[in-house]
Amino acid sequence: MSIDDDDAPLTALPVLLVDDDLLVLKSTARELRASGCAQIIALSDGREVLPKLDDERIGAVLLDLSMPHMSGQQLLEKIKASHPEIPVIVMTATSDLETAVQCMRDGAVDYLVKPVEPSRLISSVINALKVRQLEDALSSVTQMALSESGGRHAAFSQIYTQSREMLRIFRYLEQVAATEHPLLIGGESGTGKELLARAVHGISGRTGPFVAVEVAAGDDDRVCDDLFGHARGAYIAAVPTRKGMIAEAANGTLFLGDVANLGDKTQARMVGLLRDGAFRPLGGDQLVRSRARVIAATSRDLDREVEAGRFRKDLYFQLRRRVDLPALRARRADLKLLATQLLERAAAAAGKKTPRIPSELFLLLGAYHFPGNVRELESMCQSAIERHESGILSLRAFREFVARNPAPDGHAAEPSGPSSIGGVLEQLEPLPTLEEVKQALEDEALKRSGGKIAIAADLLGLARATLNARLIRRRKARARPRASGNVKP
């Protein structure tokens, strides 16, 4: 086992060794450096420890119990009182259960008996550094949560939003991006889960690549091989050794496109990977330590998947750190910003000048339910730019998208009244005439479209000329004088 310099989040802070035995100090420092932990501070006098902790940020402390001037137990109590965020590992030559229990009660994260096996030492240091890392992350998240202020990292620049919910998600991810813990991003298809994962990778400071894996349902063996790789001869076709995408993502980020599609075999292996930080390639005997941070995405309700037995509960618990991206219809205030930015980007990609955008576009988009979310809006904008030649942007491409995807019950923009036509009719006694229903629908469509006939026609599934003709007839009918009993024929 080793701590590698490329695992930047773990080695960002030094480890402080405290022991009055210089030989122990040198041998312990040598073991840690050989395992990749380059930042070591060694002190032989316990009286120097607290000033050092006040002056410098320390990742973890390895503390001997038997020292002159100040015992290790006294020093442990002082460290936890003044610097509770720093994990302390106690090392002693005495194997005494009562002392070990007391040290753990006083706040030590581990108790090692000298001479310590190198693998046991390194494992304890790794765990202590992870504890410190988590403490730092939780502290920062708490401070951010208590404050509405906070910058927006440049890595989020490709995600266009003014939504308070989205900005809250950004603030949270800025604080946890550098940790090694797996992350789950939920949200409907097209909400930008991979884009957000790439932003987290950009903030994390990881030196390795971002490796995205699209998890297709129904081919568990292939996905398992793609992820974990195989040893030569693992199966008939496994002639060359294959490294696998987890290994390719070393020191970087592995993104699983839809974790709910993983089969039973791959889910079981992922549990081991996330729990132990290591895996075995298919058919391999050697345990390989993973240096990749896992970010998974899902568009499904994993609680239901677990209840139905399609998703392992232990894997679900490993992915308990989660954010959920809101659907585009839940952040309609972003529509104008998004459409403008996406149109500008599409025009630049096509080598065209950004067209003038009619205000009717935003009314049309505001009345649409966007089943494909931001990805669908991007397709709309690209299609509109492809057809655009000059002048004001045509709304034809947008209307075609809207016409192809009528809103299901419960998804219409700004719904009012009962959620279905049947629900409306049940409340009416007597029934209105067909002409009265048509006029009521026309009035509602005009209301939702801000009086724009073209958009109202799209909402009703009519041609603009048809709706316009009906409205003209209604105006003429209202203007026509009514017959009266006092008027002679």
Protein backbone atom coordinates (compact mmCIF):
# COMPACT_ATOMS: atom_id res chain seq x y z
CA MET A 1 0.00 0.00 0.00
CA SER A 2 1.24 3.49 -0.76
CA ILE A 3 0.36 7.16 -0.60
CA ASP A 4 1.20 8.63 -3.99
CA ASP A 5 2.16 12.24 -4.64
CA ASP A 6 -0.36 12.28 -7.47
CA ASP A 7 -3.12 11.74 -4.91
CA ALA A 8 -2.96 15.48 -4.31
CA PRO A 9 -5.89 15.82 -1.88
CA LEU A 10 -4.36 13.33 0.59
CA THR A 11 -0.79 14.65 0.48
CA ALA A 12 -1.67 18.35 0.51
CA LEU A 13 -0.95 18.63 4.26
CA PRO A 14 2.15 17.35 6.13
CA VAL A 15 2.21 14.55 8.70
CA LEU A 16 3.72 15.44 12.07
CA LEU A 17 5.78 12.73 13.84
CA VAL A 18 6.35 13.16 17.60
CA ASP A 19 8.71 10.75 19.38
CA ASP A 20 11.71 11.22 21.67
CA ASP A 21 13.40 8.17 20.09
CA LEU A 22 15.34 9.53 17.10
CA LEU A 23 15.71 6.06 15.56
CA VAL A 24 11.92 5.62 15.59
CA LEU A 25 11.49 9.08 14.08
CA LYS A 26 13.88 8.30 11.23
CA SER A 27 12.49 4.82 10.49
CA THR A 28 8.86 6.02 10.56
CA ALA A 29 9.63 8.99 8.32
CA ARG A 30 11.50 6.67 5.94
CA GLU A 31 8.51 4.29 5.69
CA LEU A 32 6.09 7.16 4.99
CA ARG A 33 8.34 8.77 2.38
CA ALA A 34 8.86 5.41 0.66
CA SER A 35 5.09 5.13 0.38
CA GLY A 36 4.77 8.52 -1.28
CA CYS A 37 4.10 10.85 1.64
CA ALA A 38 6.74 13.51 0.99
CA GLN A 39 5.66 16.10 3.56
CA ILE A 40 6.95 14.94 6.94
CA ILE A 41 7.71 17.05 10.02
CA ALA A 42 9.57 15.30 12.88
CA LEU A 43 9.73 16.58 16.47
CA SER A 44 11.44 14.89 19.41
CA ASP A 45 10.16 17.26 22.12
CA GLY A 46 6.44 17.29 22.92
CA ARG A 47 6.67 20.91 24.09
CA GLU A 48 7.23 22.02 20.47
CA VAL A 49 4.04 20.41 19.16
CA LEU A 50 1.35 22.95 20.05
CA PRO A 51 3.31 25.97 18.74
CA LYS A 52 3.90 24.04 15.51
CA LEU A 53 0.17 23.28 15.17
CA ASP A 54 -0.60 26.97 15.73
CA ASP A 55 1.85 28.06 13.03
CA GLU A 56 1.23 25.45 10.32
CA ARG A 57 -1.65 23.40 8.94
CA ILE A 58 -1.05 19.72 9.72
CA GLY A 59 -2.82 16.76 8.15
CA ALA A 60 -2.31 14.21 10.94
CA VAL A 61 -0.18 13.61 14.03
CA LEU A 62 1.64 10.35 14.97
CA LEU A 63 2.24 10.65 18.70
CA ASP A 64 4.37 8.54 21.05
CA LEU A 65 2.92 8.08 24.54
CA SER A 66 6.12 7.75 26.59
CA MET A 67 8.02 11.04 26.36
CA PRO A 68 9.80 13.31 28.85
CA HIS A 69 8.54 16.80 29.81
CA MET A 70 4.97 16.02 28.68
CA SER A 71 3.37 12.60 28.29
CA GLY A 72 1.68 11.62 25.07
CA GLN A 73 -1.71 11.37 26.79
CA GLN A 74 -1.41 14.91 28.14
CA LEU A 75 -0.39 16.16 24.71
CA LEU A 76 -3.28 14.27 23.09
CA GLU A 77 -5.76 16.06 25.36
CA LYS A 78 -4.24 19.46 24.57
CA ILE A 79 -4.21 18.80 20.81
CA LYS A 80 -7.88 17.76 20.77
CA ALA A 81 -8.80 20.78 22.91
CA SER A 82 -7.03 23.36 20.73
CA HIS A 83 -7.11 21.64 17.31
CA PRO A 84 -10.00 19.15 17.30
CA GLU A 85 -9.92 18.95 13.49
CA ILE A 86 -6.48 17.27 13.44
CA PRO A 87 -6.60 13.43 13.70
CA VAL A 88 -4.08 11.92 16.11
CA ILE A 89 -2.61 8.40 15.88
CA VAL A 90 -1.09 7.11 19.10
CA MET A 91 2.03 4.89 18.96
CA THR A 92 3.42 3.09 22.00
CA ALA A 93 5.61 0.14 22.91
CA THR A 94 3.13 -0.94 25.59
CA SER A 95 0.17 -3.08 24.63
CA ASP A 96 -2.27 -2.06 27.35
CA LEU A 97 -6.00 -2.31 26.70
CA GLU A 98 -6.99 0.23 29.35
CA THR A 99 -4.55 2.82 27.96
CA ALA A 100 -5.74 2.17 24.40
CA VAL A 101 -9.39 2.64 25.40
CA GLN A 102 -8.57 5.87 27.25
CA CYS A 103 -6.67 7.25 24.24
CA MET A 104 -9.58 6.52 21.94
CA ARG A 105 -11.93 8.23 24.41
CA ASP A 106 -9.62 11.25 24.42
CA GLY A 107 -10.00 11.53 20.63
CA ALA A 108 -7.26 9.38 19.03
CA VAL A 109 -8.30 7.90 15.67
CA ASP A 110 -6.00 4.87 16.02
CA TYR A 111 -3.71 3.07 18.48
CA LEU A 112 -0.54 1.37 17.18
CA VAL A 113 1.78 -0.90 19.12
CA LYS A 114 5.50 -0.68 18.28
CA PRO A 115 7.10 -2.10 16.25
CA VAL A 116 4.40 -1.25 13.71
CA GLU A 117 4.10 -3.23 10.47
CA PRO A 118 4.72 -0.85 7.52
CA SER A 119 1.40 -1.75 5.85
CA ARG A 120 -0.46 -1.13 9.14
CA LEU A 121 1.32 2.22 9.56
CA ILE A 122 0.52 3.41 6.05
CA SER A 123 -3.10 2.26 6.29
CA SER A 124 -3.52 4.18 9.55
CA VAL A 125 -1.99 7.34 8.08
CA ILE A 126 -4.20 7.15 4.97
CA ASN A 127 -7.32 6.81 7.13
CA ALA A 128 -6.25 9.72 9.34
CA LEU A 129 -5.64 11.97 6.33
CA LYS A 130 -9.05 11.04 4.95
CA VAL A 131 -10.62 11.99 8.30
CA ARG A 132 -8.88 15.39 8.13
CA GLN A 133 -9.98 15.83 4.53
CA LEU A 134 -13.59 15.13 5.46
CA GLU A 135 -13.44 17.49 8.44
CA ASP A 136 -12.15 20.29 6.21
CA ALA A 137 -14.86 19.64 3.64
CA LEU A 138 -17.66 19.56 6.22
CA SER A 139 -16.39 22.75 7.85
CA SER A 140 -16.31 24.58 4.53
CA VAL A 141 -19.73 23.30 3.50
CA THR A 142 -21.20 24.40 6.82
CA GLN A 143 -19.76 27.89 6.44
CA MET A 144 -21.09 28.15 2.90
CA ALA A 145 -24.50 26.86 3.92
CA LEU A 146 -24.73 29.56 6.60
CA SER A 147 -23.82 32.26 4.11
CA GLU A 148 -25.59 33.26 0.95
CA SER A 149 -22.34 34.72 -0.33
CA GLY A 150 -19.66 32.75 -2.10
CA GLY A 151 -17.89 32.90 -5.41
CA ARG A 152 -18.70 30.93 -8.47
CA HIS A 153 -15.79 28.89 -9.78
CA ALA A 154 -14.77 29.37 -13.40
CA ALA A 155 -15.26 25.62 -13.98
CA PHE A 156 -19.04 26.25 -13.92
CA SER A 157 -18.84 28.86 -16.70
CA GLN A 158 -20.34 26.48 -19.28
CA ILE A 159 -23.47 26.00 -17.15
CA TYR A 160 -25.68 29.03 -17.80
CA THR A 161 -27.90 29.81 -14.83
CA GLN A 162 -29.14 32.44 -12.42
CA SER A 163 -31.16 29.92 -10.41
CA ARG A 164 -30.61 30.08 -6.65
CA GLU A 165 -30.98 26.29 -6.48
CA MET A 166 -28.28 25.77 -9.10
CA LEU A 167 -25.96 28.28 -7.41
CA ARG A 168 -26.47 26.47 -4.11
CA ILE A 169 -25.42 23.22 -5.81
CA PHE A 170 -22.32 24.95 -7.20
CA ARG A 171 -21.33 26.21 -3.74
CA TYR A 172 -21.66 22.73 -2.26
CA LEU A 173 -19.66 21.08 -5.06
CA GLU A 174 -16.88 23.66 -4.77
CA GLN A 175 -16.35 22.49 -1.20
CA VAL A 176 -16.42 18.72 -1.79
CA ALA A 177 -14.70 18.62 -5.18
CA ALA A 178 -11.24 17.94 -3.73
CA THR A 179 -12.34 15.00 -1.57
CA GLU A 180 -11.97 11.38 -2.64
CA HIS A 181 -15.51 10.41 -1.75
CA PRO A 182 -17.75 9.17 -4.57
CA LEU A 183 -20.51 11.51 -5.70
CA LEU A 184 -23.93 10.84 -7.20
CA ILE A 185 -25.61 13.36 -9.52
CA GLY A 186 -29.31 12.83 -10.06
CA GLY A 187 -31.65 14.52 -12.50
CA GLU A 188 -33.76 13.96 -15.58
CA SER A 189 -32.14 13.19 -18.91
CA GLY A 190 -30.68 16.30 -20.50
CA THR A 191 -30.22 18.35 -17.30
CA GLY A 192 -26.42 18.46 -17.68
CA LYS A 193 -25.15 15.78 -15.28
CA GLU A 194 -21.95 15.05 -17.23
CA LEU A 195 -21.26 18.76 -17.69
CA LEU A 196 -21.53 19.21 -13.92
CA ALA A 197 -19.25 16.20 -13.32
CA ARG A 198 -16.63 17.71 -15.63
CA ALA A 199 -16.83 20.95 -13.65
CA VAL A 200 -16.25 19.05 -10.39
CA HIS A 201 -13.24 17.34 -11.98
CA GLY A 202 -11.90 20.73 -13.06
CA ILE A 203 -12.14 22.09 -9.53
CA SER A 204 -10.72 18.99 -7.84
CA GLY A 205 -7.09 19.64 -8.80
CA ARG A 206 -6.68 16.04 -9.94
CA THR A 207 -3.87 15.52 -12.42
CA GLY A 208 -5.42 12.52 -14.19
CA PRO A 209 -8.02 12.49 -16.98
CA PHE A 210 -11.81 12.68 -16.92
CA VAL A 211 -12.98 9.30 -18.22
CA ALA A 212 -16.69 9.08 -19.10
CA VAL A 213 -18.34 5.66 -19.40
CA GLU A 214 -21.81 5.34 -20.89
CA VAL A 215 -23.41 2.41 -19.06
CA ALA A 216 -25.75 0.56 -21.42
CA ALA A 217 -28.38 -1.73 -19.94
CA GLY A 218 -28.34 -5.45 -20.66
CA ASP A 219 -24.64 -6.14 -21.27
CA ASP A 220 -23.19 -6.67 -17.81
CA ASP A 221 -20.17 -8.73 -18.93
CA ARG A 222 -19.00 -6.11 -21.43
CA VAL A 223 -19.46 -3.21 -19.00
CA CYS A 224 -17.61 -5.13 -16.26
CA ASP A 225 -14.73 -5.82 -18.65
CA ASP A 226 -14.69 -2.20 -19.85
CA LEU A 227 -14.43 -0.91 -16.29
CA PHE A 228 -12.17 -3.40 -14.52
CA GLY A 229 -10.18 -4.81 -17.43
CA HIS A 230 -8.99 -8.41 -17.54
CA ALA A 231 -5.91 -10.55 -17.18
CA ARG A 232 -4.67 -12.63 -20.09
CA GLY A 233 -6.74 -15.80 -20.37
CA ALA A 234 -9.59 -14.56 -18.16
CA TYR A 235 -11.93 -15.96 -20.81
CA ILE A 236 -11.56 -17.38 -24.32
CA ALA A 237 -11.30 -14.04 -26.14
CA ALA A 238 -9.12 -12.43 -23.46
CA VAL A 239 -5.82 -12.93 -25.26
CA PRO A 240 -4.13 -9.57 -24.54
CA THR A 241 -4.27 -8.10 -21.05
CA ARG A 242 -6.67 -5.14 -20.85
CA LYS A 243 -6.19 -2.31 -18.37
CA GLY A 244 -9.80 -1.12 -18.05
CA MET A 245 -11.27 2.37 -17.65
CA ILE A 246 -10.86 2.52 -13.87
CA ALA A 247 -7.11 2.18 -14.33
CA GLU A 248 -7.20 4.69 -17.22
CA ALA A 249 -8.80 7.23 -14.87
CA ALA A 250 -5.87 7.00 -12.42
CA ASN A 251 -5.44 10.23 -10.44
CA GLY A 252 -8.48 11.59 -12.29
CA THR A 253 -12.24 11.09 -12.36
CA LEU A 254 -14.31 8.13 -13.56
CA PHE A 255 -17.80 9.21 -14.63
CA LEU A 256 -20.51 6.53 -14.86
CA GLY A 257 -23.19 7.83 -17.20
CA ASP A 258 -26.17 5.94 -15.74
CA VAL A 259 -25.25 3.87 -12.72
CA ALA A 260 -28.78 2.40 -12.52
CA ASN A 261 -27.99 0.39 -15.67
CA LEU A 262 -25.16 -1.56 -14.02
CA GLY A 263 -25.78 -5.31 -13.84
CA ASP A 264 -25.44 -7.51 -10.75
CA LYS A 265 -21.83 -8.54 -11.40
CA THR A 266 -20.61 -5.01 -11.99
CA GLN A 267 -22.56 -3.63 -9.03
CA ALA A 268 -20.90 -6.17 -6.71
CA ARG A 269 -17.44 -5.20 -7.97
CA MET A 270 -18.23 -1.49 -7.65
CA VAL A 271 -19.12 -1.99 -3.98
CA GLY A 272 -15.66 -3.41 -3.36
CA LEU A 273 -13.99 -0.63 -5.33
CA LEU A 274 -15.76 2.18 -3.46
CA ARG A 275 -15.43 0.51 -0.06
CA ASP A 276 -11.78 -0.64 -0.25
CA GLY A 277 -10.32 1.65 -2.90
CA ALA A 278 -8.99 -1.38 -4.78
CA PHE A 279 -10.13 -3.98 -7.33
CA ARG A 280 -9.04 -7.12 -9.18
CA PRO A 281 -9.20 -7.25 -13.00
CA LEU A 282 -11.33 -10.10 -14.35
CA GLY A 283 -9.34 -13.31 -14.00
CA GLY A 284 -6.54 -11.51 -12.14
CA ASP A 285 -4.97 -12.39 -8.78
CA GLN A 286 -3.30 -9.06 -8.03
CA LEU A 287 -5.25 -6.45 -6.09
CA VAL A 288 -4.94 -3.07 -7.85
CA ARG A 289 -5.33 0.11 -5.83
CA SER A 290 -7.63 2.60 -7.54
CA ARG A 291 -6.52 6.21 -7.83
CA ALA A 292 -9.73 7.39 -9.51
CA ARG A 293 -12.52 9.41 -7.94
CA VAL A 294 -15.93 8.03 -8.97
CA ILE A 295 -18.80 10.32 -9.97
CA ALA A 296 -21.98 8.48 -10.92
CA ALA A 297 -25.14 9.83 -12.52
CA THR A 298 -28.69 8.58 -12.66
CA SER A 299 -31.97 9.72 -14.15
CA ARG A 300 -33.92 7.11 -12.18
CA ASP A 301 -35.26 6.97 -8.63
CA LEU A 302 -32.63 4.78 -6.94
CA ASP A 303 -34.79 4.38 -3.82
CA ARG A 304 -37.36 2.58 -5.96
CA GLU A 305 -34.64 0.60 -7.74
CA VAL A 306 -33.36 -0.60 -4.36
CA GLU A 307 -36.88 -1.50 -3.18
CA ALA A 308 -37.46 -3.45 -6.40
CA GLY A 309 -34.21 -5.38 -5.92
CA ARG A 310 -32.64 -4.01 -9.11
CA PHE A 311 -29.95 -1.97 -7.34
CA ARG A 312 -27.77 -3.09 -4.45
CA LYS A 313 -28.45 -1.37 -1.16
CA ASP A 314 -24.75 -1.40 -0.16
CA LEU A 315 -23.79 0.30 -3.44
CA TYR A 316 -26.53 2.87 -2.90
CA PHE A 317 -25.09 3.65 0.55
CA GLN A 318 -21.62 4.11 -0.96
CA LEU A 319 -23.16 6.79 -3.22
CA ARG A 320 -24.97 8.62 -0.41
CA ARG A 321 -23.29 11.98 -1.18
CA ARG A 322 -25.72 13.28 -3.77
CA VAL A 323 -26.94 16.36 -5.59
CA ASP A 324 -30.03 16.54 -7.81
CA LEU A 325 -30.22 18.86 -10.79
CA PRO A 326 -33.63 20.52 -11.25
CA ALA A 327 -35.52 20.04 -14.51
CA LEU A 328 -35.52 23.00 -16.89
CA ARG A 329 -39.26 23.54 -16.37
CA ALA A 330 -38.43 24.15 -12.67
CA ARG A 331 -35.98 26.94 -13.54
CA ARG A 332 -37.90 28.94 -16.15
CA ALA A 333 -36.21 32.15 -15.04
CA ASP A 334 -33.09 30.75 -16.77
CA LEU A 335 -34.79 30.30 -20.16
CA LYS A 336 -33.92 33.71 -21.59
CA LEU A 337 -30.29 33.48 -20.48
CA LEU A 338 -29.95 29.88 -21.68
CA ALA A 339 -31.57 30.45 -25.06
CA THR A 340 -29.51 33.58 -25.72
CA GLN A 341 -26.22 31.90 -24.78
CA LEU A 342 -26.99 28.70 -26.70
CA LEU A 343 -27.99 30.65 -29.81
CA GLU A 344 -24.77 32.67 -29.63
CA ARG A 345 -22.72 29.50 -29.23
CA ALA A 346 -24.52 27.75 -32.10
CA ALA A 347 -24.02 30.78 -34.36
CA ALA A 348 -20.31 30.91 -33.54
CA ALA A 349 -19.95 27.19 -34.28
CA ALA A 350 -21.73 27.64 -37.62
CA GLY A 351 -19.67 30.69 -38.53
CA LYS A 352 -22.75 32.91 -38.60
CA LYS A 353 -23.58 36.24 -37.03
CA THR A 354 -25.85 35.94 -34.01
CA PRO A 355 -29.37 36.82 -35.24
CA ARG A 356 -31.83 39.21 -33.66
CA ILE A 357 -33.99 37.24 -31.24
CA PRO A 358 -37.73 38.08 -31.26
CA SER A 359 -39.37 38.49 -27.86
CA GLU A 360 -42.02 35.98 -28.94
CA LEU A 361 -39.39 33.24 -28.61
CA PHE A 362 -39.24 33.57 -24.83
CA LEU A 363 -43.02 33.50 -24.56
CA LEU A 364 -43.11 30.31 -26.64
CA LEU A 365 -40.37 28.67 -24.57
CA GLY A 366 -42.03 29.75 -21.33
CA ALA A 367 -45.18 27.85 -22.27
CA TYR A 368 -43.28 24.63 -23.14
CA HIS A 369 -42.63 21.76 -20.71
CA PHE A 370 -39.17 20.68 -22.06
CA PRO A 371 -39.18 16.89 -21.69
CA GLY A 372 -35.57 16.87 -22.92
CA ASN A 373 -34.46 19.71 -20.62
CA VAL A 374 -31.37 21.79 -21.51
CA ARG A 375 -30.21 19.26 -24.11
CA GLU A 376 -33.51 19.74 -25.98
CA LEU A 377 -33.23 23.53 -25.83
CA GLU A 378 -29.71 23.25 -27.22
CA SER A 379 -31.02 21.12 -30.13
CA MET A 380 -33.74 23.71 -30.77
CA CYS A 381 -31.18 26.50 -30.93
CA GLN A 382 -28.83 24.57 -33.20
CA SER A 383 -31.68 23.70 -35.57
CA ALA A 384 -32.85 27.33 -35.67
CA ILE A 385 -29.33 28.60 -36.45
CA GLU A 386 -28.84 25.99 -39.17
CA ARG A 387 -31.94 27.33 -40.97
CA HIS A 388 -31.23 30.99 -40.28
CA GLU A 389 -30.04 33.17 -43.15
CA SER A 390 -30.40 36.81 -42.13
CA GLY A 391 -32.48 39.28 -40.14
CA ILE A 392 -34.71 38.22 -37.27
CA LEU A 393 -34.50 34.60 -36.12
CA SER A 394 -37.37 32.44 -37.35
CA LEU A 395 -39.37 30.58 -34.71
CA ARG A 396 -40.19 27.71 -37.07
CA ALA A 397 -37.71 25.22 -35.56
CA PHE A 398 -38.92 25.98 -32.04
CA ARG A 399 -42.59 25.58 -33.02
CA GLU A 400 -41.86 22.21 -34.62
CA PHE A 401 -40.27 20.94 -31.39
CA VAL A 402 -43.25 22.17 -29.37
CA ALA A 403 -45.75 20.60 -31.79
CA ARG A 404 -43.96 17.22 -31.68
CA ASN A 405 -44.03 17.07 -27.88
CA PRO A 406 -47.43 18.06 -26.47
CA ALA A 407 -47.41 18.43 -22.68
CA PRO A 408 -48.66 15.41 -20.71
CA ASP A 409 -50.98 15.96 -17.77
CA GLY A 410 -49.21 17.73 -14.94
CA HIS A 411 -46.33 19.09 -17.07
CA ALA A 412 -47.93 22.05 -18.84
CA ALA A 413 -46.45 25.43 -18.04
CA GLU A 414 -48.31 27.32 -15.36
CA PRO A 415 -51.20 24.90 -15.16
CA SER A 416 -54.45 26.21 -13.76
CA GLY A 417 -57.46 24.34 -12.49
CA PRO A 418 -57.88 20.54 -12.70
CA SER A 419 -55.04 18.59 -14.33
CA SER A 420 -57.16 16.94 -17.05
CA ILE A 421 -60.02 17.75 -19.42
CA GLY A 422 -62.06 15.04 -17.72
CA GLY A 423 -61.57 16.78 -14.38
CA VAL A 424 -62.86 20.03 -15.83
CA LEU A 425 -65.96 18.43 -17.36
CA GLU A 426 -66.86 16.67 -14.12
CA GLN A 427 -67.25 20.08 -12.47
CA LEU A 428 -69.49 21.58 -15.15
CA GLU A 429 -73.26 21.30 -14.92
CA PRO A 430 -74.71 21.71 -17.47
CA LEU A 431 -72.09 21.05 -20.14
CA PRO A 432 -71.01 24.05 -22.23
CA THR A 433 -71.60 24.08 -25.96
CA LEU A 434 -68.75 23.07 -28.24
CA GLU A 435 -68.37 26.67 -29.44
CA GLU A 436 -68.10 27.91 -25.85
CA VAL A 437 -65.34 25.36 -25.13
CA LYS A 438 -63.42 26.43 -28.24
CA GLN A 439 -63.64 30.08 -27.28
CA ALA A 440 -62.51 29.34 -23.69
CA LEU A 441 -59.48 27.41 -24.99
CA GLU A 442 -58.61 30.21 -27.38
CA ASP A 443 -58.80 32.78 -24.59
CA GLU A 444 -56.58 30.64 -22.32
CA ALA A 445 -54.00 30.11 -25.07
CA LEU A 446 -53.90 33.86 -25.76
CA LYS A 447 -53.49 34.52 -22.05
CA ARG A 448 -50.55 32.10 -21.75
CA SER A 449 -48.89 33.45 -24.88
CA GLY A 450 -49.16 37.08 -23.84
CA GLY A 451 -51.57 37.82 -26.69
CA LYS A 452 -49.23 36.45 -29.40
CA ILE A 453 -51.45 34.73 -31.96
CA ALA A 454 -48.66 32.59 -33.47
CA ILE A 455 -47.71 31.13 -30.08
CA ALA A 456 -51.35 30.65 -29.04
CA ALA A 457 -51.95 28.75 -32.29
CA ASP A 458 -49.01 26.47 -31.51
CA LEU A 459 -50.40 25.75 -28.06
CA LEU A 460 -53.77 24.81 -29.58
CA GLY A 461 -52.30 22.78 -32.43
CA LEU A 462 -53.80 25.12 -35.05
CA ALA A 463 -52.37 27.00 -37.98
CA ARG A 464 -51.91 30.69 -37.27
CA ALA A 465 -54.28 31.63 -40.10
CA THR A 466 -57.00 29.34 -38.70
CA LEU A 467 -56.86 30.87 -35.22
CA ASN A 468 -56.66 34.38 -36.65
CA ALA A 469 -59.77 33.77 -38.78
CA ARG A 470 -61.70 32.47 -35.76
CA LEU A 471 -60.74 35.51 -33.69
CA ILE A 472 -61.83 37.87 -36.50
CA ARG A 473 -65.21 36.11 -36.70
CA ARG A 474 -65.63 36.43 -32.93
CA ARG A 475 -64.90 40.17 -33.05
CA LYS A 476 -67.37 40.67 -35.90
CA ALA A 477 -70.02 38.68 -34.01
CA ARG A 478 -69.58 40.87 -30.94
CA ALA A 479 -69.77 44.04 -33.04
CA ARG A 480 -72.97 42.95 -34.89
CA PRO A 481 -76.09 44.72 -33.40
CA ARG A 482 -78.47 42.39 -31.61
CA ALA A 483 -82.16 42.08 -32.62
CA SER A 484 -84.61 43.98 -30.36
CA GLY A 485 -88.39 43.78 -29.95
CA ASN A 486 -88.64 47.55 -30.69
CA VAL A 487 -87.03 47.34 -34.12
CA LYS A 488 -89.37 46.95 -37.08
CA PRO A 489 -88.53 44.52 -39.85
